[in-house]
């Protein structure tokens, strides 16, 4: 690959990763806020971790589909998106370590890392590679997510809560935006890619 091509690949991969990362964080916050406000007794840490793993995995799948014609860029972008829950956790722990000057925070960090790995593995199994998570698939898999983040013995089913809170359209809009950006389609005022 020529140096100019490599430079362009790097620029395009970086732009897509940055764009998708902003979307992951925004969609995660929006979904977490909606669920915490709409479900009495929901555990904020559990909601945050599960939601970030779900959104990061679904976003990686959308980018992967959008980059089918660009394997080199997909190989750079998709793993970075799948790693976002861990990258974000590193950022939070690193900030706490610097602020408190306490390297002992790494011990607790390892336990959280293992927990995130289990959650990420769950979503990577349920959101298959090279398949865009459309509305029907999202509804099905987000029902599982809703069950995982909900306290036990609530009066309504996870699917009823999912519908009441309007979570599927929020994530689907984000995924369609990432898909369009990955394909180089117009997004906002700029042509993506």
Protein backbone atom coordinates (compact mmCIF):
# COMPACT_ATOMS: atom_id res chain seq x y z
CA UNK A 1 0.00 0.00 0.00
CA UNK A 2 1.41 3.39 -0.96
CA UNK A 3 2.18 5.89 1.79
CA UNK A 4 -0.50 8.30 0.58
CA UNK A 5 -3.08 5.49 0.68
CA UNK A 6 -2.01 4.55 4.19
CA UNK A 7 -2.30 8.17 5.29
CA UNK A 8 -5.80 8.41 3.83
CA UNK A 9 -6.79 5.11 5.45
CA UNK A 10 -5.57 6.40 8.81
CA UNK A 11 -7.46 9.68 8.46
CA UNK A 12 -10.69 7.95 7.42
CA UNK A 13 -10.42 5.30 10.15
CA UNK A 14 -9.71 7.96 12.76
CA UNK A 15 -12.66 10.11 11.68
CA UNK A 16 -15.06 7.16 11.75
CA UNK A 17 -13.78 5.97 15.13
CA UNK A 18 -14.13 9.45 16.62
CA UNK A 19 -17.60 9.91 15.12
CA UNK A 20 -18.82 6.52 16.31
CA UNK A 21 -17.27 6.97 19.77
CA UNK A 22 -19.11 10.24 20.28
CA UNK A 23 -22.28 8.47 19.23
CA UNK A 24 -21.65 5.53 21.56
CA UNK A 25 -21.18 7.83 24.54
CA UNK A 26 -24.21 9.94 23.64
CA UNK A 27 -26.51 6.99 22.98
CA UNK A 28 -25.31 5.22 26.12
CA UNK A 29 -26.03 8.28 28.24
CA UNK A 30 -29.45 8.76 26.68
CA UNK A 31 -30.44 5.12 27.17
CA UNK A 32 -29.05 4.96 30.71
CA UNK A 33 -30.82 8.16 31.73
CA UNK A 34 -34.12 6.95 30.29
CA UNK A 35 -33.89 3.59 32.03
CA UNK A 36 -32.77 5.00 35.38
CA UNK A 37 -35.59 7.54 35.31
CA UNK A 38 -38.15 4.96 34.22
CA UNK A 39 -37.24 1.93 36.36
CA UNK A 40 -37.48 2.22 40.13
CA UNK A 41 -34.60 0.52 41.90
CA UNK A 42 -32.33 0.17 38.86
CA UNK A 43 -28.62 -0.03 39.76
CA UNK A 44 -26.83 2.88 38.04
CA UNK A 45 -23.50 1.05 37.71
CA UNK A 46 -25.14 -2.06 36.25
CA UNK A 47 -27.19 0.05 33.84
CA UNK A 48 -24.09 2.00 32.75
CA UNK A 49 -21.93 -1.09 32.16
CA UNK A 50 -24.60 -3.15 30.38
CA UNK A 51 -25.69 -0.22 28.25
CA UNK A 52 -22.16 0.72 27.21
CA UNK A 53 -21.39 -2.88 26.24
CA UNK A 54 -24.63 -3.17 24.25
CA UNK A 55 -24.18 0.15 22.44
CA UNK A 56 -20.48 -0.38 21.70
CA UNK A 57 -21.13 -3.86 20.26
CA UNK A 58 -24.10 -2.73 18.17
CA UNK A 59 -22.07 0.23 16.91
CA UNK A 60 -19.17 -2.01 15.92
CA UNK A 61 -21.61 -4.19 13.96
CA UNK A 62 -23.09 -1.17 12.17
CA UNK A 63 -19.61 0.12 11.27
CA UNK A 64 -18.56 -3.36 10.14
CA UNK A 65 -21.51 -3.53 7.72
CA UNK A 66 -20.81 -0.01 6.49
CA UNK A 67 -17.18 -0.90 5.84
CA UNK A 68 -17.75 -4.16 3.95
CA UNK A 69 -16.04 -2.71 0.90
CA UNK A 70 -13.10 -1.41 2.94
CA UNK A 71 -11.59 -4.32 4.85
CA UNK A 72 -8.46 -2.43 5.90
CA UNK A 73 -10.46 0.32 7.55
CA UNK A 74 -12.85 -2.21 9.14
CA UNK A 75 -9.87 -4.02 10.67
CA UNK A 76 -8.78 -0.75 12.26
CA UNK A 77 -12.15 0.58 13.39
CA UNK A 78 -14.23 -2.41 14.54
CA UNK A 79 -11.85 -3.67 17.28
CA UNK A 80 -11.50 -0.12 18.62
CA UNK A 81 -15.28 0.20 18.89
CA UNK A 82 -15.61 -3.19 20.57
CA UNK A 83 -12.98 -2.09 23.10
CA UNK A 84 -14.81 1.13 24.06
CA UNK A 85 -16.20 -0.18 27.37
CA UNK A 86 -12.65 -1.05 28.44
CA UNK A 87 -11.14 2.17 27.07
CA UNK A 88 -13.76 4.23 28.89
CA UNK A 89 -13.12 2.33 32.12
CA UNK A 90 -9.36 2.91 31.72
CA UNK A 91 -10.07 6.61 31.29
CA UNK A 92 -12.20 6.76 34.46
CA UNK A 93 -9.76 4.75 36.58
CA UNK A 94 -6.76 6.65 35.23
CA UNK A 95 -8.41 9.94 36.13
CA UNK A 96 -9.20 8.71 39.63
CA UNK A 97 -5.64 7.43 40.08
CA UNK A 98 -4.19 10.77 39.05
CA UNK A 99 -6.61 12.77 41.19
CA UNK A 100 -6.11 10.58 44.27
CA UNK A 101 -2.55 9.46 43.52
CA UNK A 102 -3.66 5.97 44.51
CA UNK A 103 -2.41 3.04 42.38
CA UNK A 104 -4.46 0.64 44.57
CA UNK A 105 -7.46 1.58 42.41
CA UNK A 106 -6.06 -0.84 39.82
CA UNK A 107 -6.99 -3.81 42.02
CA UNK A 108 -10.70 -2.99 41.91
CA UNK A 109 -10.31 -2.11 38.25
CA UNK A 110 -9.36 -5.71 37.40
CA UNK A 111 -12.61 -7.04 38.86
CA UNK A 112 -14.61 -4.54 36.83
CA UNK A 113 -12.61 -5.46 33.73
CA UNK A 114 -13.57 -9.12 34.17
CA UNK A 115 -17.21 -8.14 34.64
CA UNK A 116 -17.09 -6.03 31.47
CA UNK A 117 -15.56 -8.95 29.55
CA UNK A 118 -18.50 -11.16 30.51
CA UNK A 119 -21.01 -8.50 29.50
CA UNK A 120 -19.24 -7.78 26.24
CA UNK A 121 -19.11 -11.50 25.44
CA UNK A 122 -22.87 -11.72 25.96
CA UNK A 123 -23.58 -8.92 23.47
CA UNK A 124 -21.05 -10.10 20.87
CA UNK A 125 -22.81 -13.47 20.83
CA UNK A 126 -26.26 -11.92 20.49
CA UNK A 127 -25.26 -9.30 17.89
CA UNK A 128 -23.56 -11.39 15.19
CA UNK A 129 -20.67 -10.07 13.10
CA UNK A 130 -21.35 -8.63 9.65
CA UNK A 131 -25.05 -8.14 10.37
CA UNK A 132 -26.64 -4.72 10.83
CA UNK A 133 -28.72 -4.71 14.02
CA UNK A 134 -32.02 -3.55 12.53
CA UNK A 135 -35.22 -2.83 14.39
CA UNK A 136 -36.41 -6.42 14.81
CA UNK A 137 -33.02 -7.71 15.98
CA UNK A 138 -32.56 -4.71 18.28
CA UNK A 139 -36.00 -5.15 19.79
CA UNK A 140 -35.25 -8.79 20.53
CA UNK A 141 -31.75 -8.21 21.92
CA UNK A 142 -32.65 -5.04 23.79
CA UNK A 143 -35.35 -7.05 25.53
CA UNK A 144 -32.53 -9.20 26.91
CA UNK A 145 -30.63 -6.05 27.88
CA UNK A 146 -33.70 -4.67 29.64
CA UNK A 147 -34.05 -7.91 31.57
CA UNK A 148 -30.40 -7.75 32.61
CA UNK A 149 -30.60 -4.17 33.91
CA UNK A 150 -33.98 -4.42 35.64
CA UNK A 151 -34.42 -5.27 39.30
CA UNK A 152 -36.26 -8.54 39.94
CA UNK A 153 -40.04 -8.86 40.32
CA UNK A 154 -41.11 -5.72 38.47
CA UNK A 155 -44.79 -5.74 37.47
CA UNK A 156 -44.19 -5.36 33.73
CA UNK A 157 -42.13 -7.51 31.38
CA UNK A 158 -38.76 -6.34 30.04
CA UNK A 159 -40.32 -5.98 26.56
CA UNK A 160 -43.12 -3.80 27.95
CA UNK A 161 -40.54 -1.61 29.74
CA UNK A 162 -38.46 -1.42 26.58
CA UNK A 163 -41.44 -0.22 24.59
CA UNK A 164 -42.62 2.20 27.29
CA UNK A 165 -39.20 3.83 27.53
CA UNK A 166 -38.73 4.06 23.74
CA UNK A 167 -35.19 2.71 23.83
CA UNK A 168 -35.10 0.92 20.45
CA UNK A 169 -35.61 4.06 18.31
CA UNK A 170 -32.83 5.83 20.21
CA UNK A 171 -30.26 3.12 19.50
CA UNK A 172 -31.51 2.44 15.97
CA UNK A 173 -31.11 6.11 15.01
CA UNK A 174 -27.54 6.08 16.31
CA UNK A 175 -26.72 2.86 14.41
CA UNK A 176 -28.17 4.17 11.14
CA UNK A 177 -26.07 7.30 11.52
CA UNK A 178 -22.88 5.28 12.08
CA UNK A 179 -23.75 3.03 9.13
CA UNK A 180 -24.21 6.06 6.86
CA UNK A 181 -20.96 7.64 8.05
CA UNK A 182 -19.06 4.40 7.49
CA UNK A 183 -20.42 4.20 3.96
CA UNK A 184 -19.36 7.77 3.24
CA UNK A 185 -22.94 9.00 2.85
CA UNK A 186 -23.89 12.58 3.71
CA UNK A 187 -24.30 13.05 7.46
CA UNK A 188 -25.25 16.49 8.68
CA UNK A 189 -23.52 19.11 6.55
CA UNK A 190 -20.50 17.02 5.58
CA UNK A 191 -20.01 14.00 3.45
CA UNK A 192 -18.79 11.29 5.78
CA UNK A 193 -15.92 8.94 5.31
